[in-house]
Amino acid sequence: EDTGQTLTLPEFRADAGAEDGANDAEEDTLDELD
């Protein structure tokens, strides 16, 4: 906190949000038959 940072779990990457749109685009193309 003193350095302006917050504790985050090491297995989560800071760039996960940037990949979110790409993942959603893939999910939207899925069909139940898949």
Full PDB file with SEQRES, HELIX, SHEET, SSBOND, CRYST1, ORIGX, SCALE, CONECT and MASTER records, all heavy atoms in Angstrom:
SEQRES   1 A   34  GLU ASP THR GLY GLN THR LEU THR LEU PRO GLU PHE ARG          
SEQRES   2 A   34  ALA ASP ALA GLY ALA GLU ASP GLY ALA ASN ASP ALA GLU          
SEQRES   3 A   34  GLU ASP THR LEU ASP GLU LEU ASP                              
HELIX    1 AA1 ALA A   16  ASP A   28  1                                  13    
CRYST1    1.000    1.000    1.000  90.00  90.00  90.00 P 1           1          
ORIGX1      1.000000  0.000000  0.000000        0.00000                         
ORIGX2      0.000000  1.000000  0.000000        0.00000                         
ORIGX3      0.000000  0.000000  1.000000        0.00000                         
SCALE1      1.000000  0.000000  0.000000        0.00000                         
SCALE2      0.000000  1.000000  0.000000        0.00000                         
SCALE3      0.000000  0.000000  1.000000        0.00000                         
ATOM      1  N   GLU A   1       0.818  -1.203   0.000  1.00  0.00           N  
ATOM      2  CA  GLU A   1       0.000   0.000   0.000  1.00  0.00           C  
ATOM      3  C   GLU A   1       0.859   1.263   0.000  1.00  0.00           C  
ATOM      4  O   GLU A   1       0.548   2.236  -0.666  1.00  0.00           O  
ATOM      5  CB  GLU A   1      -0.917  -0.008   1.224  1.00  0.00           C  
ATOM      6  CG  GLU A   1      -1.874   1.168   1.269  1.00  0.00           C  
ATOM      7  CD  GLU A   1      -2.799   1.056   2.471  1.00  0.00           C  
ATOM      8  OE1 GLU A   1      -2.443   0.323   3.415  1.00  0.00           O  
ATOM      9  OE2 GLU A   1      -3.853   1.700   2.468  1.00  0.00           O  
ATOM     10  N   ASP A   2       1.974   1.266   0.751  1.00  0.00           N  
ATOM     11  CA  ASP A   2       2.808   2.462   0.835  1.00  0.00           C  
ATOM     12  C   ASP A   2       3.416   2.838  -0.506  1.00  0.00           C  
ATOM     13  O   ASP A   2       3.753   3.985  -0.744  1.00  0.00           O  
ATOM     14  CB  ASP A   2       3.929   2.250   1.859  1.00  0.00           C  
ATOM     15  CG  ASP A   2       3.370   2.143   3.274  1.00  0.00           C  
ATOM     16  OD1 ASP A   2       2.232   2.611   3.480  1.00  0.00           O  
ATOM     17  OD2 ASP A   2       4.054   1.575   4.145  1.00  0.00           O  
ATOM     18  N   THR A   3       3.573   1.863  -1.401  1.00  0.00           N  
ATOM     19  CA  THR A   3       4.155   2.133  -2.702  1.00  0.00           C  
ATOM     20  C   THR A   3       3.091   2.351  -3.758  1.00  0.00           C  
ATOM     21  O   THR A   3       3.396   2.429  -4.937  1.00  0.00           O  
ATOM     22  CB  THR A   3       5.062   0.966  -3.135  1.00  0.00           C  
ATOM     23  OG1 THR A   3       4.257  -0.206  -3.289  1.00  0.00           O  
ATOM     24  CG2 THR A   3       6.151   0.720  -2.124  1.00  0.00           C  
ATOM     25  N   GLY A   4       1.850   2.415  -3.323  1.00  0.00           N  
ATOM     26  CA  GLY A   4       0.755   2.636  -4.270  1.00  0.00           C  
ATOM     27  C   GLY A   4       0.324   1.383  -4.988  1.00  0.00           C  
ATOM     28  O   GLY A   4      -0.410   1.436  -5.970  1.00  0.00           O  
ATOM     29  N   GLN A   5       0.779   0.186  -4.519  1.00  0.00           N  
ATOM     30  CA  GLN A   5       0.427  -1.076  -5.154  1.00  0.00           C  
ATOM     31  C   GLN A   5      -0.518  -1.847  -4.253  1.00  0.00           C  
ATOM     32  O   GLN A   5      -0.548  -1.632  -3.049  1.00  0.00           O  
ATOM     33  CB  GLN A   5       1.682  -1.917  -5.412  1.00  0.00           C  
ATOM     34  CG  GLN A   5       2.682  -1.230  -6.329  1.00  0.00           C  
ATOM     35  CD  GLN A   5       3.942  -2.057  -6.434  1.00  0.00           C  
ATOM     36  OE1 GLN A   5       4.151  -2.984  -5.659  1.00  0.00           O  
ATOM     37  NE2 GLN A   5       4.786  -1.716  -7.394  1.00  0.00           N  
ATOM     38  N   THR A   6      -1.273  -2.728  -4.861  1.00  0.00           N  
ATOM     39  CA  THR A   6      -2.132  -3.604  -4.080  1.00  0.00           C  
ATOM     40  C   THR A   6      -1.722  -5.037  -4.321  1.00  0.00           C  
ATOM     41  O   THR A   6      -1.103  -5.361  -5.335  1.00  0.00           O  
ATOM     42  CB  THR A   6      -3.611  -3.441  -4.482  1.00  0.00           C  
ATOM     43  OG1 THR A   6      -3.716  -3.664  -5.890  1.00  0.00           O  
ATOM     44  CG2 THR A   6      -4.118  -2.068  -4.146  1.00  0.00           C  
ATOM     45  N   LEU A   7      -2.052  -5.885  -3.371  1.00  0.00           N  
ATOM     46  CA  LEU A   7      -1.668  -7.285  -3.456  1.00  0.00           C  
ATOM     47  C   LEU A   7      -2.526  -7.987  -4.486  1.00  0.00           C  
ATOM     48  O   LEU A   7      -3.739  -7.902  -4.459  1.00  0.00           O  
ATOM     49  CB  LEU A   7      -1.859  -7.952  -2.087  1.00  0.00           C  
ATOM     50  CG  LEU A   7      -1.479  -9.422  -1.983  1.00  0.00           C  
ATOM     51  CD1 LEU A   7       0.024  -9.565  -2.159  1.00  0.00           C  
ATOM     52  CD2 LEU A   7      -1.911  -9.974  -0.646  1.00  0.00           C  
ATOM     53  N   THR A   8      -1.904  -8.676  -5.402  1.00  0.00           N  
ATOM     54  CA  THR A   8      -2.625  -9.478  -6.390  1.00  0.00           C  
ATOM     55  C   THR A   8      -2.062 -10.883  -6.366  1.00  0.00           C  
ATOM     56  O   THR A   8      -0.894 -11.102  -6.030  1.00  0.00           O  
ATOM     57  CB  THR A   8      -2.497  -8.900  -7.816  1.00  0.00           C  
ATOM     58  OG1 THR A   8      -1.106  -8.807  -8.152  1.00  0.00           O  
ATOM     59  CG2 THR A   8      -3.115  -7.525  -7.902  1.00  0.00           C  
ATOM     60  N   LEU A   9      -2.875 -11.848  -6.738  1.00  0.00           N  
ATOM     61  CA  LEU A   9      -2.431 -13.230  -6.732  1.00  0.00           C  
ATOM     62  C   LEU A   9      -1.469 -13.460  -7.897  1.00  0.00           C  
ATOM     63  O   LEU A   9      -1.711 -12.994  -9.005  1.00  0.00           O  
ATOM     64  CB  LEU A   9      -3.633 -14.169  -6.868  1.00  0.00           C  
ATOM     65  CG  LEU A   9      -4.644 -14.048  -5.729  1.00  0.00           C  
ATOM     66  CD1 LEU A   9      -5.788 -15.013  -5.954  1.00  0.00           C  
ATOM     67  CD2 LEU A   9      -3.990 -14.328  -4.386  1.00  0.00           C  
ATOM     68  N   PRO A  10      -0.370 -14.175  -7.694  1.00  0.00           N  
ATOM     69  CA  PRO A  10       0.654 -14.284  -8.717  1.00  0.00           C  
ATOM     70  C   PRO A  10       0.193 -14.990  -9.976  1.00  0.00           C  
ATOM     71  O   PRO A  10       0.723 -14.747 -11.044  1.00  0.00           O  
ATOM     72  CB  PRO A  10       1.765 -15.089  -8.016  1.00  0.00           C  
ATOM     73  CG  PRO A  10       1.088 -15.786  -6.880  1.00  0.00           C  
ATOM     74  CD  PRO A  10      -0.003 -14.873  -6.456  1.00  0.00           C  
ATOM     75  N   GLU A  11      -0.825 -15.884  -9.869  1.00  0.00           N  
ATOM     76  CA  GLU A  11      -1.223 -16.612 -11.069  1.00  0.00           C  
ATOM     77  C   GLU A  11      -2.084 -15.790 -12.019  1.00  0.00           C  
ATOM     78  O   GLU A  11      -2.410 -16.238 -13.102  1.00  0.00           O  
ATOM     79  CB  GLU A  11      -1.978 -17.903 -10.686  1.00  0.00           C  
ATOM     80  CG  GLU A  11      -3.134 -17.679  -9.735  1.00  0.00           C  
ATOM     81  CD  GLU A  11      -2.693 -17.822  -8.311  1.00  0.00           C  
ATOM     82  OE1 GLU A  11      -1.695 -17.218  -7.942  1.00  0.00           O  
ATOM     83  OE2 GLU A  11      -3.341 -18.562  -7.569  1.00  0.00           O  
ATOM     84  N   PHE A  12      -2.486 -14.596 -11.631  1.00  0.00           N  
ATOM     85  CA  PHE A  12      -3.276 -13.740 -12.497  1.00  0.00           C  
ATOM     86  C   PHE A  12      -2.356 -12.751 -13.195  1.00  0.00           C  
ATOM     87  O   PHE A  12      -1.600 -12.025 -12.552  1.00  0.00           O  
ATOM     88  CB  PHE A  12      -4.334 -12.977 -11.696  1.00  0.00           C  
ATOM     89  CG  PHE A  12      -5.282 -13.882 -10.979  1.00  0.00           C  
ATOM     90  CD1 PHE A  12      -5.588 -13.687  -9.643  1.00  0.00           C  
ATOM     91  CD2 PHE A  12      -5.851 -14.938 -11.643  1.00  0.00           C  
ATOM     92  CE1 PHE A  12      -6.454 -14.528  -8.993  1.00  0.00           C  
ATOM     93  CE2 PHE A  12      -6.728 -15.783 -10.992  1.00  0.00           C  
ATOM     94  CZ  PHE A  12      -7.025 -15.581  -9.669  1.00  0.00           C  
ATOM     95  N   ARG A  13      -2.439 -12.679 -14.512  1.00  0.00           N  
ATOM     96  CA  ARG A  13      -1.605 -11.766 -15.269  1.00  0.00           C  
ATOM     97  C   ARG A  13      -2.282 -10.424 -15.425  1.00  0.00           C  
ATOM     98  O   ARG A  13      -3.489 -10.335 -15.584  1.00  0.00           O  
ATOM     99  CB  ARG A  13      -1.318 -12.350 -16.659  1.00  0.00           C  
ATOM    100  CG  ARG A  13      -0.613 -13.689 -16.610  1.00  0.00           C  
ATOM    101  CD  ARG A  13       0.066 -13.953 -17.934  1.00  0.00           C  
ATOM    102  NE  ARG A  13      -0.822 -13.746 -19.056  1.00  0.00           N  
ATOM    103  CZ  ARG A  13      -1.615 -14.689 -19.556  1.00  0.00           C  
ATOM    104  NH1 ARG A  13      -1.605 -15.883 -19.018  1.00  0.00           N  
ATOM    105  NH2 ARG A  13      -2.393 -14.440 -20.583  1.00  0.00           N  
ATOM    106  N   ALA A  14      -1.475  -9.374 -15.410  1.00  0.00           N  
ATOM    107  CA  ALA A  14      -2.021  -8.023 -15.519  1.00  0.00           C  
ATOM    108  C   ALA A  14      -2.607  -7.754 -16.879  1.00  0.00           C  
ATOM    109  O   ALA A  14      -3.418  -6.855 -17.043  1.00  0.00           O  
ATOM    110  CB  ALA A  14      -0.928  -6.998 -15.225  1.00  0.00           C  
ATOM    111  N   ASP A  15      -2.204  -8.534 -17.903  1.00  0.00           N  
ATOM    112  CA  ASP A  15      -2.731  -8.287 -19.247  1.00  0.00           C  
ATOM    113  C   ASP A  15      -3.929  -9.158 -19.559  1.00  0.00           C  
ATOM    114  O   ASP A  15      -4.341  -9.268 -20.703  1.00  0.00           O  
ATOM    115  CB  ASP A  15      -1.637  -8.526 -20.301  1.00  0.00           C  
ATOM    116  CG  ASP A  15      -1.136  -9.974 -20.279  1.00  0.00           C  
ATOM    117  OD1 ASP A  15      -1.467 -10.696 -19.316  1.00  0.00           O  
ATOM    118  OD2 ASP A  15      -0.423 -10.359 -21.220  1.00  0.00           O  
ATOM    119  N   ALA A  16      -4.528  -9.789 -18.512  1.00  0.00           N  
ATOM    120  CA  ALA A  16      -5.686 -10.665 -18.758  1.00  0.00           C  
ATOM    121  C   ALA A  16      -6.837  -9.900 -19.350  1.00  0.00           C  
ATOM    122  O   ALA A  16      -7.585 -10.409 -20.180  1.00  0.00           O  
ATOM    123  CB  ALA A  16      -6.128 -11.345 -17.456  1.00  0.00           C  
ATOM    124  N   GLY A  17      -7.022  -8.644 -18.946  1.00  0.00           N  
ATOM    125  CA  GLY A  17      -8.126  -7.854 -19.479  1.00  0.00           C  
ATOM    126  C   GLY A  17      -7.998  -7.615 -20.954  1.00  0.00           C  
ATOM    127  O   GLY A  17      -8.991  -7.530 -21.687  1.00  0.00           O  
ATOM    128  N   ALA A  18      -6.752  -7.519 -21.480  1.00  0.00           N  
ATOM    129  CA  ALA A  18      -6.578  -7.269 -22.901  1.00  0.00           C  
ATOM    130  C   ALA A  18      -6.999  -8.466 -23.713  1.00  0.00           C  
ATOM    131  O   ALA A  18      -7.387  -8.348 -24.873  1.00  0.00           O  
ATOM    132  CB  ALA A  18      -5.117  -6.929 -23.185  1.00  0.00           C  
ATOM    133  N   GLU A  19      -6.904  -9.667 -23.127  1.00  0.00           N  
ATOM    134  CA  GLU A  19      -7.282 -10.860 -23.855  1.00  0.00           C  
ATOM    135  C   GLU A  19      -8.764 -11.121 -23.794  1.00  0.00           C  
ATOM    136  O   GLU A  19      -9.290 -11.954 -24.512  1.00  0.00           O  
ATOM    137  CB  GLU A  19      -6.543 -12.070 -23.269  1.00  0.00           C  
ATOM    138  CG  GLU A  19      -5.041 -11.973 -23.377  1.00  0.00           C  
ATOM    139  CD  GLU A  19      -4.376 -13.143 -22.673  1.00  0.00           C  
ATOM    140  OE1 GLU A  19      -5.100 -13.974 -22.126  1.00  0.00           O  
ATOM    141  OE2 GLU A  19      -3.144 -13.205 -22.693  1.00  0.00           O  
ATOM    142  N   ASP A  20      -9.482 -10.414 -22.921  1.00  0.00           N  
ATOM    143  CA  ASP A  20     -10.891 -10.698 -22.667  1.00  0.00           C  
ATOM    144  C   ASP A  20     -11.733 -10.556 -23.914  1.00  0.00           C  
ATOM    145  O   ASP A  20     -12.577 -11.385 -24.218  1.00  0.00           O  
ATOM    146  CB  ASP A  20     -11.416  -9.769 -21.571  1.00  0.00           C  
ATOM    147  CG  ASP A  20     -12.848 -10.080 -21.213  1.00  0.00           C  
ATOM    148  OD1 ASP A  20     -13.108 -11.232 -20.847  1.00  0.00           O  
ATOM    149  OD2 ASP A  20     -13.689  -9.177 -21.313  1.00  0.00           O  
ATOM    150  N   GLY A  21     -11.502  -9.489 -24.676  1.00  0.00           N  
ATOM    151  CA  GLY A  21     -12.317  -9.277 -25.862  1.00  0.00           C  
ATOM    152  C   GLY A  21     -12.136 -10.385 -26.866  1.00  0.00           C  
ATOM    153  O   GLY A  21     -13.082 -10.846 -27.496  1.00  0.00           O  
ATOM    154  N   ALA A  22     -10.865 -10.844 -27.028  1.00  0.00           N  
ATOM    155  CA  ALA A  22     -10.623 -11.925 -27.979  1.00  0.00           C  
ATOM    156  C   ALA A  22     -11.311 -13.198 -27.532  1.00  0.00           C  
ATOM    157  O   ALA A  22     -11.897 -13.925 -28.331  1.00  0.00           O  
ATOM    158  CB  ALA A  22      -9.119 -12.154 -28.123  1.00  0.00           C  
ATOM    159  N   ASN A  23     -11.247 -13.498 -26.228  1.00  0.00           N  
ATOM    160  CA  ASN A  23     -11.898 -14.707 -25.728  1.00  0.00           C  
ATOM    161  C   ASN A  23     -13.399 -14.633 -25.915  1.00  0.00           C  
ATOM    162  O   ASN A  23     -14.051 -15.618 -26.259  1.00  0.00           O  
ATOM    163  CB  ASN A  23     -11.569 -14.898 -24.246  1.00  0.00           C  
ATOM    164  CG  ASN A  23     -10.111 -15.253 -24.029  1.00  0.00           C  
ATOM    165  OD1 ASN A  23      -9.469 -15.779 -24.920  1.00  0.00           O  
ATOM    166  ND2 ASN A  23      -9.598 -14.949 -22.849  1.00  0.00           N  
ATOM    167  N   ASP A  24     -13.992 -13.448 -25.638  1.00  0.00           N  
ATOM    168  CA  ASP A  24     -15.424 -13.305 -25.810  1.00  0.00           C  
ATOM    169  C   ASP A  24     -15.813 -13.494 -27.262  1.00  0.00           C  
ATOM    170  O   ASP A  24     -16.861 -14.063 -27.587  1.00  0.00           O  
ATOM    171  CB  ASP A  24     -15.882 -11.921 -25.337  1.00  0.00           C  
ATOM    172  CG  ASP A  24     -15.905 -11.833 -23.825  1.00  0.00           C  
ATOM    173  OD1 ASP A  24     -16.004 -12.905 -23.195  1.00  0.00           O  
ATOM    174  OD2 ASP A  24     -15.829 -10.713 -23.295  1.00  0.00           O  
ATOM    175  N   ALA A  25     -14.989 -12.978 -28.175  1.00  0.00           N  
ATOM    176  CA  ALA A  25     -15.308 -13.129 -29.588  1.00  0.00           C  
ATOM    177  C   ALA A  25     -15.335 -14.590 -29.969  1.00  0.00           C  
ATOM    178  O   ALA A  25     -16.177 -15.042 -30.753  1.00  0.00           O  
ATOM    179  CB  ALA A  25     -14.284 -12.377 -30.437  1.00  0.00           C  
ATOM    180  N   GLU A  26     -14.371 -15.386 -29.395  1.00  0.00           N  
ATOM    181  CA  GLU A  26     -14.375 -16.803 -29.690  1.00  0.00           C  
ATOM    182  C   GLU A  26     -15.606 -17.471 -29.111  1.00  0.00           C  
ATOM    183  O   GLU A  26     -16.224 -18.326 -29.749  1.00  0.00           O  
ATOM    184  CB  GLU A  26     -13.116 -17.438 -29.102  1.00  0.00           C  
ATOM    185  CG  GLU A  26     -11.826 -16.995 -29.813  1.00  0.00           C  
ATOM    186  CD  GLU A  26     -10.607 -17.568 -29.137  1.00  0.00           C  
ATOM    187  OE1 GLU A  26     -10.792 -18.365 -28.191  1.00  0.00           O  
ATOM    188  OE2 GLU A  26      -9.491 -17.234 -29.543  1.00  0.00           O  
ATOM    189  N   GLU A  27     -15.989 -17.101 -27.876  1.00  0.00           N  
ATOM    190  CA  GLU A  27     -17.142 -17.723 -27.232  1.00  0.00           C  
ATOM    191  C   GLU A  27     -18.429 -17.430 -27.996  1.00  0.00           C  
ATOM    192  O   GLU A  27     -19.307 -18.280 -28.095  1.00  0.00           O  
ATOM    193  CB  GLU A  27     -17.267 -17.224 -25.794  1.00  0.00           C  
ATOM    194  CG  GLU A  27     -16.147 -17.727 -24.896  1.00  0.00           C  
ATOM    195  CD  GLU A  27     -16.180 -17.065 -23.538  1.00  0.00           C  
ATOM    196  OE1 GLU A  27     -17.123 -16.303 -23.288  1.00  0.00           O  
ATOM    197  OE2 GLU A  27     -15.265 -17.315 -22.756  1.00  0.00           O  
ATOM    198  N   ASP A  28     -18.538 -16.215 -28.537  1.00  0.00           N  
ATOM    199  CA  ASP A  28     -19.766 -15.847 -29.238  1.00  0.00           C  
ATOM    200  C   ASP A  28     -19.949 -16.653 -30.512  1.00  0.00           C  
ATOM    201  O   ASP A  28     -21.047 -16.718 -31.059  1.00  0.00           O  
ATOM    202  CB  ASP A  28     -19.759 -14.356 -29.564  1.00  0.00           C  
ATOM    203  CG  ASP A  28     -19.956 -13.521 -28.313  1.00  0.00           C  
ATOM    204  OD1 ASP A  28     -20.418 -14.070 -27.307  1.00  0.00           O  
ATOM    205  OD2 ASP A  28     -19.635 -12.333 -28.357  1.00  0.00           O  
ATOM    206  N   THR A  29     -18.859 -17.225 -31.056  1.00  0.00           N  
ATOM    207  CA  THR A  29     -18.982 -17.986 -32.290  1.00  0.00           C  
ATOM    208  C   THR A  29     -19.299 -19.442 -32.018  1.00  0.00           C  
ATOM    209  O   THR A  29     -19.551 -20.202 -32.945  1.00  0.00           O  
ATOM    210  CB  THR A  29     -17.674 -17.911 -33.100  1.00  0.00           C  
ATOM    211  OG1 THR A  29     -16.616 -18.510 -32.338  1.00  0.00           O  
ATOM    212  CG2 THR A  29     -17.323 -16.483 -33.440  1.00  0.00           C  
ATOM    213  N   LEU A  30     -19.269 -19.864 -30.765  1.00  0.00           N  
ATOM    214  CA  LEU A  30     -19.545 -21.258 -30.446  1.00  0.00           C  
ATOM    215  C   LEU A  30     -21.014 -21.566 -30.627  1.00  0.00           C  
ATOM    216  O   LEU A  30     -21.868 -20.745 -30.374  1.00  0.00           O  
ATOM    217  CB  LEU A  30     -19.129 -21.582 -29.011  1.00  0.00           C  
ATOM    218  CG  LEU A  30     -17.626 -21.563 -28.727  1.00  0.00           C  
ATOM    219  CD1 LEU A  30     -17.383 -21.848 -27.255  1.00  0.00           C  
ATOM    220  CD2 LEU A  30     -16.909 -22.589 -29.572  1.00  0.00           C  
ATOM    221  N   ASP A  31     -21.293 -22.756 -31.035  1.00  0.00           N  
ATOM    222  CA  ASP A  31     -22.660 -23.232 -31.183  1.00  0.00           C  
ATOM    223  C   ASP A  31     -22.848 -24.378 -30.213  1.00  0.00           C  
ATOM    224  O   ASP A  31     -21.882 -25.052 -29.823  1.00  0.00           O  
ATOM    225  CB  ASP A  31     -22.887 -23.721 -32.628  1.00  0.00           C  
ATOM    226  CG  ASP A  31     -24.347 -24.052 -32.888  1.00  0.00           C  
ATOM    227  OD1 ASP A  31     -24.737 -25.179 -32.550  1.00  0.00           O  
ATOM    228  OD2 ASP A  31     -25.067 -23.184 -33.409  1.00  0.00           O  
ATOM    229  N   GLU A  32     -24.090 -24.627 -29.803  1.00  0.00           N  
ATOM    230  CA  GLU A  32     -24.339 -25.733 -28.877  1.00  0.00           C  
ATOM    231  C   GLU A  32     -23.831 -27.054 -29.447  1.00  0.00           C  
ATOM    232  O   GLU A  32     -23.408 -27.948 -28.726  1.00  0.00           O  
ATOM    233  CB  GLU A  32     -25.832 -25.838 -28.565  1.00  0.00           C  
ATOM    234  CG  GLU A  32     -26.344 -24.691 -27.704  1.00  0.00           C  
ATOM    235  CD  GLU A  32     -27.792 -24.890 -27.348  1.00  0.00           C  
ATOM    236  OE1 GLU A  32     -28.348 -25.933 -27.716  1.00  0.00           O  
ATOM    237  OE2 GLU A  32     -28.362 -24.011 -26.695  1.00  0.00           O  
ATOM    238  N   LEU A  33     -23.848 -27.180 -30.792  1.00  0.00           N  
ATOM    239  CA  LEU A  33     -23.407 -28.423 -31.403  1.00  0.00           C  
ATOM    240  C   LEU A  33     -21.911 -28.639 -31.214  1.00  0.00           C  
ATOM    241  O   LEU A  33     -21.418 -29.755 -31.302  1.00  0.00           O  
ATOM    242  CB  LEU A  33     -23.746 -28.420 -32.900  1.00  0.00           C  
ATOM    243  CG  LEU A  33     -25.248 -28.384 -33.220  1.00  0.00           C  
ATOM    244  CD1 LEU A  33     -25.440 -28.323 -34.719  1.00  0.00           C  
ATOM    245  CD2 LEU A  33     -25.955 -29.597 -32.652  1.00  0.00           C  
ATOM    246  N   ASP A  34     -21.156 -27.539 -30.955  1.00  0.00           N  
ATOM    247  CA  ASP A  34     -19.718 -27.672 -30.762  1.00  0.00           C  
ATOM    248  C   ASP A  34     -19.397 -28.472 -29.509  1.00  0.00           C  
ATOM    249  O   ASP A  34     -18.282 -28.968 -29.365  1.00  0.00           O  
ATOM    250  CB  ASP A  34     -19.061 -26.286 -30.652  1.00  0.00           C  
ATOM    251  CG  ASP A  34     -19.171 -25.523 -31.964  1.00  0.00           C  
ATOM    252  OD1 ASP A  34     -19.100 -26.180 -33.013  1.00  0.00           O  
ATOM    253  OD2 ASP A  34     -19.330 -24.292 -31.920  1.00  0.00           O  
TER     254      ASP A  34                                                      
MASTER        0    0    0    1    0    0    0    6  253    1    0    3          
END                                                                             
